[in-house]
Amino acid sequence: MLLKYIIFAILATLLNTITQFLIFNIYFGSFKLYIAILAGTLVGLIFKYFLDRRYVFNQNITLKMKREATTFSLYSLMGVITTIVFWSIEILFDYMIDYYWSKYLGAVIGLGVGYTIKFYLDKNFVFD
């Protein structure tokens, strides 16, 4: 169970950072760091939810729409705490280290810390 979670966290981290990279290369307006972080977070959240629900927490049955919405909402709510950790670390790295790659290093570290916390939150509060 934990090994699958770690593998999916790594894949979601890759998707998140690739999404951010793409945003940085196509959008040059104001607040591009924050737009990139938000886009990467949404891609990672949706990707990881379906993998975690089915393969980590073994809820592979089709849930009714209301139950699915409730589970996804709770999963997302648990992610708010970890997202604050992730975003804070990435933004801190971007502002404190003056290299183009620093934001990605901050993202990887922040996501690693965030996913570690989120595993225990999901296990205890989201999936029964």
Foldseek 3Di string as FASTA:
>chain_A
DVVLLVVLLVVLLVQLVVQLVVQVVPDDDPPSNVVSNVRSVVSSLVSSVVCCCCPVLNVVDDDDPVLVVVLSVQLVVLLVVLSVQLVVQLVCQPVVPPDPCSSSVSNVVSSVVSSVSSVVCCVPPRHD
